[in-house]
Amino acid sequence: MAKKDIRPRYRFPEHGRDAETLNTALREAGERDASWKDGKTFSLVFYAGEEVSEVTRNAYDAYRYENGLNPTAFPSLRKFENEVVSFTIDLMHGDDDVVGNMTSGGTESILCAVKAAHSWAKANKPGITAPEMVVPISVHPAFDKAAYYFGIKVVHVPVNPDDLRADIKATEAVINSNTIMIVGSAPAYPHGVVDPIEELAALALKNNLWMHVDACVGGYILPWVERLGYTIPKFDYRVAGVVSMSMDLHKYGYSAKGGSCVLYKNSEMRKHQYFVYTGWTGGIYASPAVAGTRPGGAIAAAWAVLNFLGAEGYMRLAKDVMDATLKVRNAVDAIEGIHIIGKPHMCVVAIGSDKLPIFNIGDELSAKGYHIDRQQNPDSLHLTISWGNVKAIDQFILDLQEAVAVGSKFSLHNLQSQFTVGLVKTASKVLSEEKMTKFTNFLAKMGGGDGPPKRTAAMYGMMGALPNKGDLDELILDMLDGLNKPEKL
């Protein structure tokens, strides 16, 4: 019997390929990606036009090899980072005591803030051995990830059903002797609403707790939206009690990917974020954030785009985006059967329905080339509208009208979706937990392929119908594992 070859599907290349061949391969691979330049991608990408793109590209390219880990080796990066942070502090109405750092993205900024809060609690509340943090159910999962990493219990509290903002009474009710931190969002990603930060921060002050505001989505647009005359609840350092904040430059700052900021109300609070190790044979190691190596290109690009656009440029972009958002909201209000969920404070909106299969409508939009996120509790389609979407908004509204009309009618796709969801609901009533797990795995394998299907209504409906969320976790883990394997040759 021949010995099985256990080497990877792709073997390390024996010989190099020429640049032209590689460029062709890069272009061909990209043909399968979301077509964000046509404005049909309503998440993941924040594009402010070719002129801004050229500025960030040139800055990133100029510093693509430099490393922000050691600021003494690259004082230029120290200058860029300090200025970016200073601009951000000014935007967040911080005083001279407020300090901060750049990170690689919102998750790292959140990890830094949670780590700092944890270390602060160790130093100031030594009696706590089982730390907890209180967060609304709408908060970004990066807080659950941080809690998972650092051994903190997450206490999720509901949002008010009328405005979907964090419930203050519910928050206060769960604060106990183990609580170290309260979190609010500006805005919460699912529905674009700003939590009642002033009330949450007052609770934090009253109970001597760390208050973090997650403005990863809204930090670099809410100030401009407010200046345009929209009513925005206070969420920044104008609010007494706010200790730390996170906001992403690579979202509405329109910088290159890999840029975010985390702020602290003073240096003493920020020191809890740092890591220092002086016992290494390789010398003294000091790291301000989670990452060790810090790409210089992302730092330089952020500095360049903030200086290139300035307040006037960001105001122009914000106005275009908010005008487009109003168009979408008015159009949704005029389409029978669907509605905007809640009252979003900015350009993040969720479209839901009490009558129509909203995920089927999403599938119809996907078939037209749109990339739109799906949400649950309640089921909805999520739009993060940025400047790159503005040119496509009128066509999107027409396509949404058609998608509602088609998605609500009888079709083989809709029938299959309803049958799958109904089958799961019925099975959950009659099968034991063990048999239900096997049945769920069988349905997942029937879908075929390593990645998610092109039409997702059945998949999302089935996920929502599963009684055992452990089965759902396992399904997602299997899917994630499949997506992170090389394709078959």
Protein backbone atom coordinates (compact mmCIF):
# COMPACT_ATOMS: atom_id res chain seq x y z
CA MET A 1 0.00 0.00 0.00
CA ALA A 2 1.33 3.41 -1.00
CA LYS A 3 2.17 5.74 1.86
CA LYS A 4 -0.30 8.61 2.20
CA ASP A 5 1.14 12.05 1.47
CA ILE A 6 0.33 14.09 4.58
CA ARG A 7 1.88 17.33 3.34
CA PRO A 8 -0.33 20.44 2.89
CA ARG A 9 -2.44 20.98 -0.22
CA TYR A 10 -0.13 23.81 -1.24
CA ARG A 11 3.59 23.20 -1.02
CA PHE A 12 6.16 25.92 -0.60
CA PRO A 13 7.12 27.24 -4.07
CA GLU A 14 10.42 25.88 -5.36
CA HIS A 15 10.94 28.77 -7.76
CA GLY A 16 9.88 32.39 -7.72
CA ARG A 17 7.34 33.84 -10.14
CA ASP A 18 7.79 37.07 -12.06
CA ALA A 19 6.01 40.26 -11.00
CA GLU A 20 3.69 40.34 -14.03
CA THR A 21 2.46 36.82 -13.34
CA LEU A 22 1.87 37.67 -9.70
CA ASN A 23 -0.02 40.85 -10.56
CA THR A 24 -2.27 38.86 -12.87
CA ALA A 25 -2.89 36.29 -10.13
CA LEU A 26 -3.74 39.07 -7.67
CA ARG A 27 -6.24 40.61 -10.07
CA GLU A 28 -7.87 37.28 -10.84
CA ALA A 29 -8.19 36.40 -7.15
CA GLY A 30 -9.81 39.75 -6.45
CA GLU A 31 -12.53 39.13 -9.02
CA ARG A 32 -14.27 36.91 -6.45
CA ASP A 33 -14.29 39.60 -3.76
CA ALA A 34 -17.10 41.98 -2.82
CA SER A 35 -17.27 44.70 -5.48
CA TRP A 36 -16.95 47.62 -3.06
CA LYS A 37 -15.88 50.26 -5.57
CA ASP A 38 -19.35 50.25 -7.14
CA GLY A 39 -20.89 51.21 -3.79
CA LYS A 40 -22.73 47.92 -3.24
CA THR A 41 -20.81 46.82 -0.15
CA PHE A 42 -22.56 48.12 2.99
CA SER A 43 -19.95 47.00 5.55
CA LEU A 44 -16.25 46.21 5.92
CA VAL A 45 -14.99 48.88 3.48
CA PHE A 46 -14.90 52.66 4.03
CA TYR A 47 -13.96 54.47 0.84
CA ALA A 48 -13.80 58.23 0.35
CA GLY A 49 -12.83 58.37 -3.31
CA GLU A 50 -9.65 57.98 -5.33
CA GLU A 51 -8.10 61.25 -4.19
CA VAL A 52 -8.21 60.23 -0.52
CA SER A 53 -7.21 56.69 -1.47
CA GLU A 54 -4.11 58.00 -3.24
CA VAL A 55 -3.08 60.00 -0.16
CA THR A 56 -3.36 56.99 2.14
CA ARG A 57 -1.69 54.70 -0.40
CA ASN A 58 1.32 56.97 -0.80
CA ALA A 59 1.72 57.45 2.96
CA TYR A 60 1.36 53.74 3.65
CA ASP A 61 3.83 52.85 0.92
CA ALA A 62 6.39 55.36 2.21
CA TYR A 63 6.39 53.66 5.64
CA ARG A 64 5.54 50.08 4.71
CA TYR A 65 8.72 48.66 6.31
CA GLU A 66 8.97 50.88 9.38
CA ASN A 67 8.01 49.45 12.78
CA GLY A 68 6.21 51.49 15.42
CA LEU A 69 7.29 49.13 18.21
CA ASN A 70 10.36 51.21 19.00
CA PRO A 71 9.61 54.96 18.84
CA THR A 72 13.27 55.84 19.42
CA ALA A 73 14.25 54.13 16.17
CA PHE A 74 11.52 55.87 14.15
CA PRO A 75 10.81 59.30 15.64
CA SER A 76 8.75 60.13 12.55
CA LEU A 77 6.20 57.48 13.55
CA ARG A 78 6.16 58.79 17.10
CA LYS A 79 5.39 62.25 15.71
CA PHE A 80 2.62 60.93 13.45
CA GLU A 81 1.01 58.83 16.19
CA ASN A 82 1.14 61.59 18.78
CA GLU A 83 -0.45 64.05 16.37
CA VAL A 84 -3.17 61.60 15.32
CA VAL A 85 -3.98 60.93 18.99
CA SER A 86 -3.93 64.67 19.74
CA PHE A 87 -6.33 65.38 16.86
CA THR A 88 -8.61 62.63 18.18
CA ILE A 89 -8.52 63.96 21.74
CA ASP A 90 -9.55 67.37 20.40
CA LEU A 91 -12.41 65.76 18.48
CA MET A 92 -13.56 63.97 21.65
CA HIS A 93 -13.44 67.21 23.71
CA GLY A 94 -10.62 65.91 25.88
CA ASP A 95 -8.54 68.19 28.09
CA ASP A 96 -4.75 68.32 28.45
CA ASP A 97 -4.78 65.27 30.74
CA VAL A 98 -6.33 62.92 28.16
CA VAL A 99 -3.82 60.59 26.46
CA GLY A 100 -3.96 57.71 24.03
CA ASN A 101 -2.34 55.34 21.55
CA MET A 102 -2.96 54.05 18.08
CA THR A 103 -3.81 50.37 17.65
CA SER A 104 -4.46 48.02 14.75
CA GLY A 105 -8.25 48.22 14.98
CA GLY A 106 -11.30 48.31 17.18
CA THR A 107 -10.76 44.89 18.70
CA GLU A 108 -7.23 45.77 19.81
CA SER A 109 -8.42 49.10 21.20
CA ILE A 110 -11.12 47.29 23.17
CA LEU A 111 -8.68 44.64 24.37
CA CYS A 112 -6.37 47.42 25.59
CA ALA A 113 -9.16 49.20 27.47
CA VAL A 114 -10.46 46.01 29.11
CA LYS A 115 -6.93 44.98 30.06
CA ALA A 116 -6.35 48.43 31.57
CA ALA A 117 -9.62 48.27 33.53
CA HIS A 118 -8.70 44.80 34.79
CA SER A 119 -5.24 45.95 35.94
CA TRP A 120 -6.73 49.10 37.49
CA ALA A 121 -9.18 46.99 39.47
CA LYS A 122 -6.37 44.73 40.70
CA ALA A 123 -4.54 47.78 41.99
CA ASN A 124 -7.53 49.66 43.40
CA LYS A 125 -9.96 46.88 44.34
CA PRO A 126 -7.72 44.06 45.55
CA GLY A 127 -10.62 42.21 47.15
CA ILE A 128 -12.10 41.32 43.76
CA THR A 129 -11.12 37.81 42.68
CA ALA A 130 -13.91 37.23 40.13
CA PRO A 131 -14.14 40.48 38.13
CA GLU A 132 -17.25 41.30 36.11
CA MET A 133 -18.10 43.91 33.50
CA VAL A 134 -21.59 45.08 32.61
CA VAL A 135 -22.44 45.56 28.94
CA PRO A 136 -25.64 45.95 26.90
CA ILE A 137 -26.61 43.00 24.69
CA SER A 138 -25.99 45.28 21.70
CA VAL A 139 -22.31 45.83 22.55
CA HIS A 140 -19.65 44.61 20.12
CA PRO A 141 -18.52 40.97 20.66
CA ALA A 142 -14.93 42.21 21.03
CA PHE A 143 -15.81 42.83 24.69
CA ASP A 144 -16.79 39.18 25.08
CA LYS A 145 -13.53 38.25 23.38
CA ALA A 146 -11.56 40.47 25.76
CA ALA A 147 -13.38 38.97 28.73
CA TYR A 148 -12.62 35.48 27.41
CA TYR A 149 -8.93 36.35 27.12
CA PHE A 150 -8.58 38.06 30.50
CA GLY A 151 -10.85 35.90 32.66
CA ILE A 152 -13.63 38.41 33.25
CA LYS A 153 -17.31 37.54 33.55
CA VAL A 154 -19.55 39.43 31.13
CA VAL A 155 -22.94 40.45 32.45
CA HIS A 156 -25.23 41.31 29.53
CA VAL A 157 -28.14 43.62 30.21
CA PRO A 158 -31.13 44.27 27.94
CA VAL A 159 -31.78 47.37 25.89
CA ASN A 160 -34.97 49.40 26.16
CA PRO A 161 -37.47 48.01 23.65
CA ASP A 162 -38.61 51.47 22.59
CA ASP A 163 -35.24 52.98 21.61
CA LEU A 164 -32.85 49.97 21.76
CA ARG A 165 -30.45 51.89 24.03
CA ALA A 166 -28.86 50.39 27.14
CA ASP A 167 -31.34 49.93 29.99
CA ILE A 168 -30.11 52.02 32.94
CA LYS A 169 -32.25 50.33 35.60
CA ALA A 170 -31.19 46.89 34.42
CA THR A 171 -27.56 47.99 34.46
CA GLU A 172 -27.79 49.35 37.98
CA ALA A 173 -29.54 46.19 39.18
CA VAL A 174 -26.62 43.90 38.26
CA ILE A 175 -23.77 46.02 39.65
CA ASN A 176 -22.22 44.23 42.60
CA SER A 177 -18.99 44.00 44.59
CA ASN A 178 -17.25 42.19 41.72
CA THR A 179 -18.11 44.73 39.03
CA ILE A 180 -15.11 46.61 37.66
CA MET A 181 -16.37 48.13 34.40
CA ILE A 182 -19.41 49.48 32.55
CA VAL A 183 -19.54 49.81 28.75
CA GLY A 184 -21.69 51.92 26.42
CA SER A 185 -21.62 52.31 22.63
CA ALA A 186 -21.61 55.36 20.38
CA PRO A 187 -23.31 53.99 18.44
CA ALA A 188 -24.14 50.34 19.03
CA TYR A 189 -23.36 48.61 15.75
CA PRO A 190 -26.61 46.64 15.27
CA HIS A 191 -29.02 49.60 15.09
CA GLY A 192 -26.91 52.78 15.00
CA VAL A 193 -28.16 54.19 18.31
CA VAL A 194 -25.99 55.94 20.90
CA ASP A 195 -26.38 54.50 24.38
CA PRO A 196 -27.26 56.86 27.28
CA ILE A 197 -23.59 57.49 28.09
CA GLU A 198 -24.28 60.27 30.60
CA GLU A 199 -26.47 58.00 32.72
CA LEU A 200 -24.09 55.04 32.43
CA ALA A 201 -21.13 57.22 33.38
CA ALA A 202 -23.05 58.57 36.38
CA LEU A 203 -23.52 54.97 37.55
CA ALA A 204 -19.81 54.37 37.10
CA LEU A 205 -18.91 57.42 39.17
CA LYS A 206 -21.38 56.49 41.87
CA ASN A 207 -19.91 52.99 42.21
CA ASN A 208 -16.24 53.82 41.52
CA LEU A 209 -16.18 51.82 38.27
CA TRP A 210 -14.29 52.11 35.01
CA MET A 211 -16.47 53.58 32.24
CA HIS A 212 -15.60 52.78 28.63
CA VAL A 213 -17.27 54.26 25.56
CA ASP A 214 -16.96 52.19 22.41
CA ALA A 215 -17.05 54.72 19.57
CA CYS A 216 -15.23 52.47 17.10
CA VAL A 217 -17.96 53.03 14.51
CA GLY A 218 -19.02 56.57 15.33
CA GLY A 219 -15.92 58.28 16.71
CA TYR A 220 -14.83 59.92 13.47
CA ILE A 221 -18.26 60.86 12.14
CA LEU A 222 -20.59 61.64 15.07
CA PRO A 223 -18.78 64.94 15.84
CA TRP A 224 -19.35 66.09 12.25
CA VAL A 225 -22.95 64.85 12.24
CA GLU A 226 -23.53 66.88 15.40
CA ARG A 227 -22.02 69.97 13.75
CA LEU A 228 -24.38 69.45 10.81
CA GLY A 229 -27.27 70.07 13.20
CA TYR A 230 -28.36 66.54 14.08
CA THR A 231 -29.16 65.78 17.72
CA ILE A 232 -26.47 63.50 19.12
CA PRO A 233 -26.42 62.47 22.80
CA LYS A 234 -23.18 63.39 24.54
CA PHE A 235 -20.82 60.45 24.52
CA ASP A 236 -17.25 61.78 24.81
CA TYR A 237 -15.08 63.55 27.41
CA ARG A 238 -17.76 66.19 27.92
CA VAL A 239 -19.34 63.48 30.07
CA ALA A 240 -18.00 63.22 33.61
CA GLY A 241 -17.01 59.67 34.47
CA VAL A 242 -15.81 58.53 31.04
CA VAL A 243 -12.41 56.89 31.53
CA SER A 244 -11.55 55.31 28.19
CA MET A 245 -12.76 55.45 24.59
CA SER A 246 -12.13 53.50 21.40
CA MET A 247 -12.61 54.77 17.82
CA ASP A 248 -11.49 53.42 14.45
CA LEU A 249 -9.56 55.52 11.97
CA HIS A 250 -10.10 52.95 9.23
CA LYS A 251 -13.87 53.36 9.44
CA TYR A 252 -15.23 56.90 9.10
CA GLY A 253 -11.72 58.31 9.41
CA TYR A 254 -11.30 56.79 5.92
CA SER A 255 -7.73 55.74 6.65
CA ALA A 256 -6.01 52.54 5.55
CA LYS A 257 -6.92 49.32 7.32
CA GLY A 258 -5.04 48.77 10.55
CA GLY A 259 -5.77 52.06 12.32
CA SER A 260 -7.67 52.79 15.54
CA CYS A 261 -7.26 54.89 18.69
CA VAL A 262 -7.76 54.13 22.36
CA LEU A 263 -7.95 57.09 24.75
CA TYR A 264 -7.69 57.43 28.54
CA LYS A 265 -8.67 60.34 30.75
CA ASN A 266 -5.12 60.58 32.16
CA SER A 267 -1.70 58.93 32.11
CA GLU A 268 -2.26 57.03 35.34
CA MET A 269 -5.18 55.19 33.78
CA ARG A 270 -3.25 54.50 30.58
CA LYS A 271 -0.30 52.96 32.43
CA HIS A 272 -2.55 50.01 33.25
CA GLN A 273 -2.64 49.25 29.51
CA TYR A 274 1.14 48.90 29.14
CA PHE A 275 3.23 45.76 29.31
CA VAL A 276 6.87 45.91 30.46
CA TYR A 277 9.30 43.03 30.90
CA THR A 278 12.83 43.78 32.11
CA GLY A 279 14.08 40.25 32.76
CA TRP A 280 14.57 39.15 29.16
CA THR A 281 18.10 38.29 27.99
CA GLY A 282 17.33 40.23 24.83
CA GLY A 283 17.00 43.48 26.74
CA ILE A 284 14.13 45.56 28.03
CA TYR A 285 10.81 44.91 26.32
CA ALA A 286 8.07 47.52 26.57
CA SER A 287 4.84 47.47 24.58
CA PRO A 288 2.13 50.17 24.76
CA ALA A 289 -0.62 48.05 23.22
CA VAL A 290 -1.43 44.40 22.49
CA ALA A 291 0.57 44.16 19.27
CA GLY A 292 4.34 43.99 19.28
CA THR A 293 5.29 44.97 15.76
CA ARG A 294 3.17 47.96 14.74
CA PRO A 295 3.03 48.63 10.98
CA GLY A 296 4.36 52.10 10.25
CA GLY A 297 2.26 52.36 7.11
CA ALA A 298 -1.02 52.39 9.02
CA ILE A 299 0.25 55.12 11.35
CA ALA A 300 1.53 57.28 8.51
CA ALA A 301 -1.65 56.80 6.47
CA ALA A 302 -3.84 57.91 9.38
CA TRP A 303 -1.76 61.04 9.90
CA ALA A 304 -1.87 61.82 6.18
CA VAL A 305 -5.63 61.44 5.69
CA LEU A 306 -6.54 63.48 8.78
CA ASN A 307 -4.31 66.31 7.58
CA PHE A 308 -5.50 65.98 3.97
CA LEU A 309 -9.23 66.17 4.73
CA GLY A 310 -9.28 68.38 7.80
CA ALA A 311 -12.55 69.44 9.42
CA GLU A 312 -13.90 70.87 6.15
CA GLY A 313 -13.31 67.62 4.27
CA TYR A 314 -14.87 65.45 6.95
CA MET A 315 -17.88 67.76 7.16
CA ARG A 316 -18.38 67.42 3.40
CA LEU A 317 -18.17 63.63 3.56
CA ALA A 318 -20.49 63.46 6.58
CA LYS A 319 -23.11 65.63 4.87
CA ASP A 320 -23.09 63.43 1.76
CA VAL A 321 -23.42 60.30 3.88
CA MET A 322 -26.22 61.64 6.06
CA ASP A 323 -28.13 62.90 3.01
CA ALA A 324 -27.88 59.41 1.52
CA THR A 325 -28.97 57.86 4.82
CA LEU A 326 -32.08 60.05 4.91
CA LYS A 327 -32.91 58.89 1.40
CA VAL A 328 -32.72 55.27 2.52
CA ARG A 329 -34.78 55.88 5.64
CA ASN A 330 -37.48 57.74 3.71
CA ALA A 331 -37.55 55.03 1.05
CA VAL A 332 -37.90 52.25 3.64
CA ASP A 333 -40.74 54.16 5.32
CA ALA A 334 -42.51 54.27 1.95
CA ILE A 335 -42.17 50.53 1.22
CA GLU A 336 -45.01 48.53 2.71
CA GLY A 337 -43.95 45.62 4.90
CA ILE A 338 -40.48 46.78 5.99
CA HIS A 339 -39.27 49.39 8.48
CA ILE A 340 -36.18 50.91 10.09
CA ILE A 341 -35.55 49.36 13.50
CA GLY A 342 -35.24 51.98 16.21
CA LYS A 343 -34.18 55.58 15.65
CA PRO A 344 -30.54 55.54 14.52
CA HIS A 345 -28.44 58.59 15.39
CA MET A 346 -26.19 58.31 12.33
CA CYS A 347 -25.64 56.38 9.11
CA VAL A 348 -25.89 52.85 10.49
CA VAL A 349 -29.39 51.42 10.00
CA ALA A 350 -31.15 48.08 10.29
CA ILE A 351 -34.10 47.12 8.11
CA GLY A 352 -36.62 44.70 9.59
CA SER A 353 -40.12 43.40 8.98
CA ASP A 354 -42.99 42.04 11.02
CA LYS A 355 -44.68 40.56 7.97
CA LEU A 356 -42.13 39.61 5.31
CA PRO A 357 -39.20 37.13 5.27
CA ILE A 358 -36.44 39.72 5.64
CA PHE A 359 -33.60 37.26 4.95
CA ASN A 360 -35.22 36.29 1.65
CA ILE A 361 -35.23 39.98 0.74
CA GLY A 362 -31.55 40.05 1.68
CA ASP A 363 -30.89 37.12 -0.64
CA GLU A 364 -32.54 38.97 -3.51
CA LEU A 365 -30.25 41.96 -2.86
CA SER A 366 -27.24 39.64 -2.71
CA ALA A 367 -28.24 38.23 -6.09
CA LYS A 368 -28.02 41.79 -7.42
CA GLY A 369 -24.44 42.11 -6.19
CA TYR A 370 -24.94 43.77 -2.79
CA HIS A 371 -22.99 42.76 0.31
CA ILE A 372 -25.30 43.31 3.29
CA ASP A 373 -24.95 41.86 6.79
CA ARG A 374 -27.73 39.83 8.43
CA GLN A 375 -28.69 40.33 12.09
CA GLN A 376 -30.84 38.57 14.64
CA ASN A 377 -33.06 39.34 17.65
CA PRO A 378 -34.85 40.80 15.74
CA ASP A 379 -34.03 39.56 12.26
CA SER A 380 -32.83 42.42 10.07
CA LEU A 381 -30.60 43.57 7.24
CA HIS A 382 -27.77 45.84 8.32
CA LEU A 383 -26.48 48.83 6.35
CA THR A 384 -23.33 50.72 7.25
CA ILE A 385 -23.57 53.63 4.84
CA SER A 386 -20.28 55.36 4.09
CA TRP A 387 -19.19 57.80 1.40
CA GLY A 388 -18.40 54.98 -1.02
CA ASN A 389 -22.09 53.98 -1.01
CA VAL A 390 -23.44 57.45 -1.78
CA LYS A 391 -23.27 57.11 -5.57
CA ALA A 392 -25.19 53.81 -5.45
CA ILE A 393 -27.99 54.86 -3.09
CA ASP A 394 -30.60 55.74 -5.73
CA GLN A 395 -30.07 52.39 -7.49
CA PHE A 396 -30.07 50.59 -4.16
CA ILE A 397 -33.48 52.03 -3.32
CA LEU A 398 -34.88 50.78 -6.65
CA ASP A 399 -33.31 47.36 -6.10
CA LEU A 400 -34.64 47.24 -2.53
CA GLN A 401 -38.17 47.91 -3.80
CA GLU A 402 -37.82 45.08 -6.30
CA ALA A 403 -36.23 42.76 -3.72
CA VAL A 404 -39.16 43.29 -1.35
CA ALA A 405 -41.59 42.51 -4.14
CA VAL A 406 -39.75 39.36 -5.25
CA GLY A 407 -38.60 38.19 -1.82
CA SER A 408 -42.12 38.19 -0.42
CA LYS A 409 -43.58 36.11 -3.27
CA PHE A 410 -43.69 32.35 -3.68
CA SER A 411 -40.50 30.87 -5.13
CA LEU A 412 -38.49 27.67 -4.87
CA HIS A 413 -35.81 29.47 -2.82
CA ASN A 414 -38.36 30.91 -0.38
CA LEU A 415 -40.13 27.56 -0.09
CA GLN A 416 -36.85 25.77 0.66
CA SER A 417 -35.99 28.32 3.31
CA GLN A 418 -39.38 28.04 5.03
CA PHE A 419 -39.24 24.23 4.86
CA THR A 420 -35.75 24.08 6.46
CA VAL A 421 -36.68 26.43 9.30
CA GLY A 422 -39.96 24.62 9.90
CA LEU A 423 -38.16 21.27 9.91
CA VAL A 424 -35.71 22.48 12.57
CA LYS A 425 -38.50 23.88 14.75
CA THR A 426 -40.47 20.63 14.54
CA ALA A 427 -37.42 18.46 15.16
CA SER A 428 -36.47 20.50 18.23
CA LYS A 429 -39.82 19.59 19.80
CA VAL A 430 -39.60 15.85 19.28
CA LEU A 431 -35.89 14.93 19.30
CA SER A 432 -33.62 14.55 22.31
CA GLU A 433 -30.76 17.01 22.69
CA GLU A 434 -28.25 14.41 21.46
CA LYS A 435 -30.32 13.51 18.40
CA MET A 436 -31.00 17.19 17.70
CA THR A 437 -27.26 17.85 17.60
CA LYS A 438 -26.77 15.01 15.09
CA PHE A 439 -29.69 16.29 13.01
CA THR A 440 -28.25 19.81 12.98
CA ASN A 441 -24.87 18.53 11.83
CA PHE A 442 -26.60 16.54 9.08
CA LEU A 443 -28.40 19.63 7.78
CA ALA A 444 -25.17 21.61 7.84
CA LYS A 445 -23.33 18.96 5.80
CA MET A 446 -26.23 18.86 3.34
CA GLY A 447 -25.44 22.49 2.54
CA GLY A 448 -22.12 21.41 1.04
CA GLY A 449 -18.94 23.40 0.67
CA ASP A 450 -16.58 24.86 3.21
CA GLY A 451 -17.99 28.39 3.19
CA PRO A 452 -21.40 29.97 3.69
CA PRO A 453 -24.00 29.49 0.95
CA LYS A 454 -24.78 32.26 -1.54
CA ARG A 455 -28.37 32.33 -0.34
CA THR A 456 -28.47 32.55 3.43
CA ALA A 457 -32.14 32.88 4.38
CA ALA A 458 -32.41 29.19 5.25
CA MET A 459 -29.13 29.19 7.15
CA TYR A 460 -29.98 32.24 9.27
CA GLY A 461 -33.51 31.05 9.85
CA MET A 462 -32.25 27.64 10.96
CA MET A 463 -29.74 29.26 13.31
CA GLY A 464 -32.46 31.34 14.91
CA ALA A 465 -34.64 28.26 15.37
CA LEU A 466 -32.02 26.11 17.10
CA PRO A 467 -32.95 25.59 20.77
CA ASN A 468 -29.41 24.65 21.82
CA LYS A 469 -26.99 27.50 21.17
CA GLY A 470 -24.13 25.09 21.76
CA ASP A 471 -25.09 23.45 18.46
CA LEU A 472 -25.07 26.87 16.81
CA ASP A 473 -21.60 27.61 18.20
CA GLU A 474 -20.34 24.31 16.84
CA LEU A 475 -21.82 25.03 13.41
CA ILE A 476 -20.06 28.38 13.24
CA LEU A 477 -16.78 26.89 14.47
CA ASP A 478 -16.95 24.26 11.72
CA MET A 479 -17.71 26.92 9.12
CA LEU A 480 -14.85 29.10 10.38
CA ASP A 481 -12.51 26.13 10.29
CA GLY A 482 -13.53 25.41 6.70
CA LEU A 483 -12.99 29.00 5.62
CA ASN A 484 -9.47 28.92 7.05
CA LYS A 485 -8.25 25.98 5.00
CA PRO A 486 -6.73 26.17 1.53
CA GLU A 487 -9.01 25.20 -1.31
CA LYS A 488 -8.59 21.82 -2.91
CA LEU A 489 -6.22 21.74 -5.88
